[in-house]
């Protein structure tokens, strides 16, 4: 640890479960990095749906994690815990964390830190970890999307969606996406979707079949609810369906006979509670496969708007309105 660090820091606390107004500025002790961790002086922190769920009381932090919201940050290494090399004080990094991002300082496992991609600012880089780790783990690791296959992502204009479209396209897949307006569909197609489907006006199952013939090979779904049966219909034989959230509900009446006849794989995951080794392996895959794409300009975080840390409540209001396209970031 360096002796020049302050003892306390500004942070955003959740007063009690509730609406955006329960996000209030507070003062907390500056964290001490443990073994294998670094302390990051935060320049920017991404805002994500899990932060909203935590604020509402439906997604508590895992044991040992900070109760301060925020799952992704970018900034400068301010101190090193034991065994945190080869990182050094002063290095600029972006990191996936289990909590604590809405603050001036945040401890992060060194294995979950990545260098800022060349050409990106710290603010842009803060919008990378949560979506890139999630998409890589589910679309490419769990579902094994390969070049030449077809891929559908729901919520194509979200942070997850804009990341998934670009990564899948850059890896050689044929990409489709759903979104809720003509403008959002236009953005999805600009990012690389062959066909964006306005779910308010079109049946995505019919459009998928019309566009691909047999259906898509992989679907990334954050909606659930009545989409589940329709996803099964939209998949090609040997297709893979992965759930990462249930904005439309986690329960549905489903006929699984088509899943059996088409030999489908249905899976899902959450990332926050997985261990450092698991997340560190994803970080290494991203460094090897995704970082060159970012630095070549083939893939980029899509930033919609930034807010000062003190305006975290306003950032959450925008997130819940679903009027944004891409990422919302808090700046310090």
Protein backbone atom coordinates (compact mmCIF):
# COMPACT_ATOMS: atom_id res chain seq x y z
CA UNK A 1 0.00 0.00 0.00
CA UNK A 2 1.08 3.56 -0.63
CA UNK A 3 0.97 6.04 2.24
CA UNK A 4 -0.54 8.84 0.15
CA UNK A 5 -4.05 7.44 -0.09
CA UNK A 6 -6.97 9.12 1.69
CA UNK A 7 -8.68 7.23 4.51
CA UNK A 8 -12.21 7.91 3.28
CA UNK A 9 -13.90 8.29 -0.10
CA UNK A 10 -17.15 9.41 -1.66
CA UNK A 11 -19.47 6.59 -2.73
CA UNK A 12 -23.08 5.99 -3.70
CA UNK A 13 -25.03 3.97 -1.15
CA UNK A 14 -28.40 2.22 -1.35
CA UNK A 15 -30.40 3.68 1.55
CA UNK A 16 -33.05 0.97 1.37
CA UNK A 17 -34.62 -1.09 -1.44
CA UNK A 18 -36.61 1.18 -3.72
CA UNK A 19 -36.62 3.60 -6.62
CA UNK A 20 -33.68 5.61 -7.97
CA UNK A 21 -34.08 8.14 -5.16
CA UNK A 22 -32.62 5.61 -2.66
CA UNK A 23 -29.20 6.04 -4.30
CA UNK A 24 -27.56 8.63 -2.05
CA UNK A 25 -24.01 10.01 -1.68
CA UNK A 26 -22.14 8.72 1.34
CA UNK A 27 -18.66 8.46 2.81
CA UNK A 28 -16.90 5.12 3.17
CA UNK A 29 -13.42 3.95 4.17
CA UNK A 30 -11.08 3.48 1.21
CA UNK A 31 -10.85 -0.32 0.64
CA UNK A 32 -7.63 -2.18 1.36
CA UNK A 33 -6.71 -4.57 -1.46
CA UNK A 34 -6.33 -8.16 -0.34
CA UNK A 35 -3.99 -10.82 -1.68
CA UNK A 36 -4.14 -10.89 -5.47
CA UNK A 37 -6.08 -7.62 -5.58
CA UNK A 38 -5.38 -4.07 -6.65
CA UNK A 39 -6.92 -0.82 -5.48
CA UNK A 40 -8.16 1.27 -8.39
CA UNK A 41 -8.73 5.00 -8.28
CA UNK A 42 -11.96 5.03 -10.28
CA UNK A 43 -12.26 7.37 -13.27
CA UNK A 44 -15.57 5.94 -14.51
CA UNK A 45 -18.04 3.17 -13.67
CA UNK A 46 -20.56 1.46 -15.92
CA UNK A 47 -24.25 1.28 -15.03
CA UNK A 48 -25.96 -2.07 -15.63
CA UNK A 49 -29.33 -3.79 -15.14
CA UNK A 50 -27.99 -5.85 -12.22
CA UNK A 51 -27.29 -2.55 -10.40
CA UNK A 52 -30.97 -1.68 -10.78
CA UNK A 53 -32.00 -5.11 -9.51
CA UNK A 54 -29.69 -4.73 -6.51
CA UNK A 55 -31.17 -1.30 -5.76
CA UNK A 56 -34.66 -2.84 -5.86
CA UNK A 57 -33.59 -5.52 -3.37
CA UNK A 58 -33.73 -8.42 -5.82
CA UNK A 59 -30.02 -9.06 -6.46
CA UNK A 60 -27.99 -8.94 -3.24
CA UNK A 61 -24.20 -8.93 -3.50
CA UNK A 62 -22.54 -12.32 -2.97
CA UNK A 63 -20.87 -13.01 0.40
CA UNK A 64 -17.81 -10.85 0.90
CA UNK A 65 -18.67 -8.38 -1.86
CA UNK A 66 -19.15 -4.66 -1.30
CA UNK A 67 -22.73 -3.48 -0.84
CA UNK A 68 -21.89 -0.41 -2.94
CA UNK A 69 -23.37 -0.95 -6.43
CA UNK A 70 -21.27 -1.04 -9.59
CA UNK A 71 -19.87 -4.06 -11.43
CA UNK A 72 -17.39 -2.48 -13.86
CA UNK A 73 -14.85 0.30 -13.58
CA UNK A 74 -11.90 1.94 -15.28
CA UNK A 75 -9.15 3.95 -13.65
CA UNK A 76 -5.58 3.89 -12.37
CA UNK A 77 -3.98 1.38 -10.03
CA UNK A 78 -3.44 3.19 -6.71
CA UNK A 79 -2.13 0.33 -4.55
CA UNK A 80 -1.22 -3.34 -4.80
CA UNK A 81 -2.17 -6.21 -2.57
CA UNK A 82 0.25 -9.08 -2.04
CA UNK A 83 0.82 -11.07 -5.24
CA UNK A 84 -1.00 -8.62 -7.51
CA UNK A 85 1.83 -8.38 -10.05
CA UNK A 86 2.63 -7.79 -12.83
CA UNK A 87 0.35 -4.76 -12.41
CA UNK A 88 2.04 -1.62 -11.10
CA UNK A 89 0.86 1.53 -9.37
CA UNK A 90 -0.14 4.03 -12.07
CA UNK A 91 -1.25 1.43 -14.64
CA UNK A 92 -4.53 2.30 -16.37
CA UNK A 93 -6.94 -0.64 -16.31
CA UNK A 94 -10.56 -1.61 -16.71
CA UNK A 95 -11.95 -4.27 -14.40
CA UNK A 96 -14.93 -6.48 -13.66
CA UNK A 97 -15.84 -6.36 -9.95
CA UNK A 98 -18.49 -7.96 -7.73
CA UNK A 99 -19.52 -4.56 -6.36
CA UNK A 100 -18.12 -1.26 -5.18
CA UNK A 101 -17.86 0.48 -8.54
CA UNK A 102 -19.90 3.58 -7.65
CA UNK A 103 -17.07 5.05 -5.57
CA UNK A 104 -13.80 6.95 -5.80
CA UNK A 105 -11.78 3.82 -5.04
CA UNK A 106 -12.57 0.15 -5.64
CA UNK A 107 -10.67 -3.07 -4.95
CA UNK A 108 -10.52 -5.54 -7.86
CA UNK A 109 -8.92 -8.95 -8.38
CA UNK A 110 -5.82 -8.45 -10.53
CA UNK A 111 -6.92 -11.39 -12.68
CA UNK A 112 -10.08 -9.48 -13.62
CA UNK A 113 -8.19 -6.34 -14.70
CA UNK A 114 -7.36 -5.65 -18.32
CA UNK A 115 -5.32 -2.87 -19.92
CA UNK A 116 -7.23 -0.02 -21.53
CA UNK A 117 -7.49 -0.91 -25.24
CA UNK A 118 -5.44 1.43 -27.42
CA UNK A 119 -7.58 4.26 -28.74
CA UNK A 120 -10.15 4.23 -25.93
CA UNK A 121 -10.57 6.70 -23.10
CA UNK A 122 -11.03 5.59 -19.49
CA UNK A 123 -14.70 6.57 -19.75
CA UNK A 124 -15.22 4.38 -22.84
CA UNK A 125 -13.30 1.51 -21.25
CA UNK A 126 -15.56 1.59 -18.18
CA UNK A 127 -18.39 0.41 -20.45
CA UNK A 128 -16.56 -2.77 -21.50
CA UNK A 129 -16.20 -5.38 -18.71
CA UNK A 130 -19.74 -6.37 -17.69
CA UNK A 131 -21.04 -6.74 -21.24
CA UNK A 132 -17.89 -8.21 -22.82
CA UNK A 133 -17.34 -10.77 -20.04
CA UNK A 134 -21.04 -11.75 -20.15
CA UNK A 135 -21.27 -12.04 -23.92
CA UNK A 136 -18.00 -13.93 -24.28
CA UNK A 137 -18.83 -16.39 -21.50
CA UNK A 138 -22.33 -17.17 -22.77
CA UNK A 139 -22.25 -16.77 -26.54
CA UNK A 140 -18.79 -18.15 -27.31
CA UNK A 141 -17.90 -20.36 -24.33
CA UNK A 142 -21.26 -21.86 -23.28
CA UNK A 143 -22.99 -21.82 -26.68
CA UNK A 144 -19.92 -22.22 -28.89
CA UNK A 145 -20.94 -19.76 -31.62
CA UNK A 146 -18.66 -20.28 -34.60
CA UNK A 147 -17.89 -18.47 -37.82
CA UNK A 148 -20.55 -19.21 -40.43
CA UNK A 149 -23.30 -19.86 -37.86
CA UNK A 150 -26.30 -17.59 -37.29
CA UNK A 151 -27.01 -15.70 -34.07
CA UNK A 152 -29.98 -13.81 -32.64
CA UNK A 153 -29.72 -11.44 -29.69
CA UNK A 154 -32.75 -9.96 -27.99
CA UNK A 155 -32.45 -6.38 -26.76
CA UNK A 156 -30.00 -5.56 -29.52
CA UNK A 157 -29.75 -1.88 -28.58
CA UNK A 158 -28.82 -2.54 -24.93
CA UNK A 159 -25.26 -2.65 -23.64
CA UNK A 160 -25.27 -6.44 -23.91
CA UNK A 161 -26.95 -6.30 -27.32
CA UNK A 162 -24.60 -3.78 -28.92
CA UNK A 163 -21.63 -5.79 -27.65
CA UNK A 164 -23.05 -9.13 -28.80
CA UNK A 165 -23.86 -7.85 -32.30
CA UNK A 166 -20.37 -6.51 -32.84
CA UNK A 167 -18.47 -9.48 -31.38
CA UNK A 168 -20.56 -12.08 -33.21
CA UNK A 169 -20.19 -10.20 -36.50
CA UNK A 170 -16.44 -9.76 -36.02
CA UNK A 171 -16.08 -13.49 -35.28
CA UNK A 172 -17.74 -14.35 -38.60
CA UNK A 173 -21.33 -15.13 -37.56
CA UNK A 174 -24.50 -14.05 -39.30
CA UNK A 175 -26.28 -11.71 -36.87
CA UNK A 176 -29.93 -10.82 -36.23
CA UNK A 177 -31.30 -8.71 -33.38
CA UNK A 178 -34.58 -7.57 -31.87
CA UNK A 179 -35.19 -4.00 -30.70
CA UNK A 180 -38.16 -1.82 -29.77
CA UNK A 181 -38.12 1.02 -32.31
CA UNK A 182 -37.15 1.85 -35.87
CA UNK A 183 -34.26 3.99 -34.59
CA UNK A 184 -32.94 1.20 -32.38
CA UNK A 185 -33.23 -1.26 -35.27
CA UNK A 186 -31.27 1.11 -37.49
CA UNK A 187 -28.47 1.28 -34.91
CA UNK A 188 -28.38 -2.53 -34.63
CA UNK A 189 -27.96 -2.86 -38.38
CA UNK A 190 -25.30 -0.15 -38.43
CA UNK A 191 -23.38 -2.15 -35.80
CA UNK A 192 -23.46 -5.29 -37.94
CA UNK A 193 -26.84 -6.99 -37.69
CA UNK A 194 -27.95 -8.34 -41.06
CA UNK A 195 -31.57 -7.87 -39.97
CA UNK A 196 -32.96 -6.01 -36.97
CA UNK A 197 -36.52 -6.92 -35.99
CA UNK A 198 -38.86 -4.36 -34.40
CA UNK A 199 -40.54 -6.62 -31.85
CA UNK A 200 -43.42 -4.15 -31.48
CA UNK A 201 -44.38 -4.57 -35.13
CA UNK A 202 -42.96 -7.93 -36.31
CA UNK A 203 -42.91 -11.56 -35.14
CA UNK A 204 -39.25 -12.38 -34.64
CA UNK A 205 -39.88 -16.11 -35.23
CA UNK A 206 -41.34 -15.45 -38.68
CA UNK A 207 -38.56 -13.03 -39.61
CA UNK A 208 -35.85 -15.43 -38.43
CA UNK A 209 -37.31 -18.27 -40.49
CA UNK A 210 -37.73 -16.02 -43.52
CA UNK A 211 -34.16 -14.72 -43.24
CA UNK A 212 -32.31 -17.93 -42.41
CA UNK A 213 -34.55 -20.73 -43.65
CA UNK A 214 -33.91 -23.28 -40.90
CA UNK A 215 -33.64 -20.87 -37.96
CA UNK A 216 -30.69 -19.52 -36.00
CA UNK A 217 -27.96 -21.56 -34.35
CA UNK A 218 -27.63 -19.51 -31.15
CA UNK A 219 -30.01 -17.17 -29.27
CA UNK A 220 -28.97 -14.90 -26.39
CA UNK A 221 -32.10 -14.04 -24.40
CA UNK A 222 -32.46 -11.54 -21.56
CA UNK A 223 -36.28 -11.42 -21.80
CA UNK A 224 -37.65 -14.87 -21.00
CA UNK A 225 -41.41 -15.04 -20.33
CA UNK A 226 -43.40 -15.69 -23.50
CA UNK A 227 -40.19 -15.45 -25.55
CA UNK A 228 -39.10 -18.88 -24.31
CA UNK A 229 -41.46 -20.92 -26.51
CA UNK A 230 -40.83 -18.58 -29.44
CA UNK A 231 -37.06 -18.95 -29.01
CA UNK A 232 -37.44 -22.71 -29.27
CA UNK A 233 -39.41 -22.25 -32.51
CA UNK A 234 -36.78 -19.87 -33.90
CA UNK A 235 -33.83 -22.18 -33.33
CA UNK A 236 -32.36 -24.40 -36.04
CA UNK A 237 -31.68 -28.10 -35.40
CA UNK A 238 -28.87 -28.49 -32.82
CA UNK A 239 -29.42 -24.85 -31.82
CA UNK A 240 -28.41 -23.38 -28.48
CA UNK A 241 -30.48 -21.04 -26.30
CA UNK A 242 -28.87 -19.12 -23.45
CA UNK A 243 -30.65 -17.03 -20.81
CA UNK A 244 -28.81 -14.26 -18.95
CA UNK A 245 -31.82 -12.40 -17.49
CA UNK A 246 -35.63 -12.58 -17.30
CA UNK A 247 -36.95 -9.06 -17.83
CA UNK A 248 -40.23 -10.61 -19.02
CA UNK A 249 -40.39 -13.18 -16.21
CA UNK A 250 -38.67 -16.46 -15.42
CA UNK A 251 -41.79 -18.66 -15.66
CA UNK A 252 -43.67 -19.82 -18.74
CA UNK A 253 -45.70 -22.77 -19.96
CA UNK A 254 -43.43 -24.45 -22.51
CA UNK A 255 -43.86 -27.36 -24.92
CA UNK A 256 -40.44 -29.03 -24.93
CA UNK A 257 -41.23 -31.50 -27.70
CA UNK A 258 -39.64 -29.25 -30.38
CA UNK A 259 -36.52 -28.98 -28.19
CA UNK A 260 -36.23 -32.76 -28.21
CA UNK A 261 -36.97 -33.17 -31.91
CA UNK A 262 -34.46 -30.46 -32.88
CA UNK A 263 -31.85 -31.63 -30.33
CA UNK A 264 -31.67 -28.19 -28.73
CA UNK A 265 -29.45 -27.14 -25.85
CA UNK A 266 -31.05 -24.76 -23.34
CA UNK A 267 -28.75 -23.17 -20.80
CA UNK A 268 -28.12 -19.99 -18.86
CA UNK A 269 -25.79 -18.42 -16.35
CA UNK A 270 -25.05 -15.58 -13.98
CA UNK A 271 -21.55 -14.17 -13.66
CA UNK A 272 -21.36 -12.14 -10.46
CA UNK A 273 -20.98 -15.01 -8.00
CA UNK A 274 -18.46 -17.01 -10.08
CA UNK A 275 -14.95 -17.25 -8.66
CA UNK A 276 -11.91 -15.23 -9.65
CA UNK A 277 -10.33 -18.11 -11.55
CA UNK A 278 -13.40 -18.43 -13.77
CA UNK A 279 -13.57 -14.70 -14.48
CA UNK A 280 -9.82 -14.52 -14.93
CA UNK A 281 -10.03 -17.13 -17.69
CA UNK A 282 -12.62 -15.00 -19.47
CA UNK A 283 -10.34 -11.97 -19.08
CA UNK A 284 -7.50 -13.86 -20.75
CA UNK A 285 -9.77 -14.92 -23.63
CA UNK A 286 -10.91 -11.32 -24.09
CA UNK A 287 -7.30 -10.06 -24.06
CA UNK A 288 -6.39 -12.58 -26.75
CA UNK A 289 -9.51 -12.50 -28.95
CA UNK A 290 -11.51 -9.31 -28.30
CA UNK A 291 -8.90 -6.67 -27.46
CA UNK A 292 -7.30 -6.85 -30.95
CA UNK A 293 -10.77 -6.32 -32.46
CA UNK A 294 -11.32 -3.24 -30.29
CA UNK A 295 -7.89 -1.83 -31.10
CA UNK A 296 -8.50 -2.42 -34.81
CA UNK A 297 -11.77 -0.49 -34.62
CA UNK A 298 -13.94 -3.52 -35.48
CA UNK A 299 -15.66 -3.54 -32.08
CA UNK A 300 -16.27 -0.66 -29.68
CA UNK A 301 -18.33 0.13 -26.59
CA UNK A 302 -21.38 2.18 -27.55
CA UNK A 303 -21.82 5.00 -25.03
CA UNK A 304 -25.22 6.65 -24.78
CA UNK A 305 -24.68 9.13 -21.95
CA UNK A 306 -22.45 9.89 -18.98
CA UNK A 307 -23.47 11.26 -15.57
CA UNK A 308 -21.36 12.52 -12.65
CA UNK A 309 -21.21 10.00 -9.81
CA UNK A 310 -23.49 12.14 -7.66
CA UNK A 311 -26.21 11.80 -10.31
CA UNK A 312 -26.36 8.00 -10.12
CA UNK A 313 -30.11 8.21 -9.50
CA UNK A 314 -30.60 10.01 -12.83
CA UNK A 315 -28.52 7.35 -14.55
CA UNK A 316 -30.78 4.66 -13.10
CA UNK A 317 -33.90 6.53 -14.22
CA UNK A 318 -32.53 6.54 -17.77
CA UNK A 319 -31.65 2.84 -17.55
CA UNK A 320 -35.18 1.97 -16.40
CA UNK A 321 -36.76 4.06 -19.15
CA UNK A 322 -35.08 1.86 -21.80
CA UNK A 323 -34.61 4.97 -23.93
CA UNK A 324 -30.85 4.50 -24.09
CA UNK A 325 -28.82 2.79 -26.78
CA UNK A 326 -25.69 1.06 -25.49
CA UNK A 327 -24.00 1.97 -22.23
CA UNK A 328 -24.59 4.49 -19.44
CA UNK A 329 -21.46 5.49 -17.52
CA UNK A 330 -20.83 7.40 -14.28
CA UNK A 331 -17.77 9.66 -14.25
CA UNK A 332 -15.59 10.81 -11.38
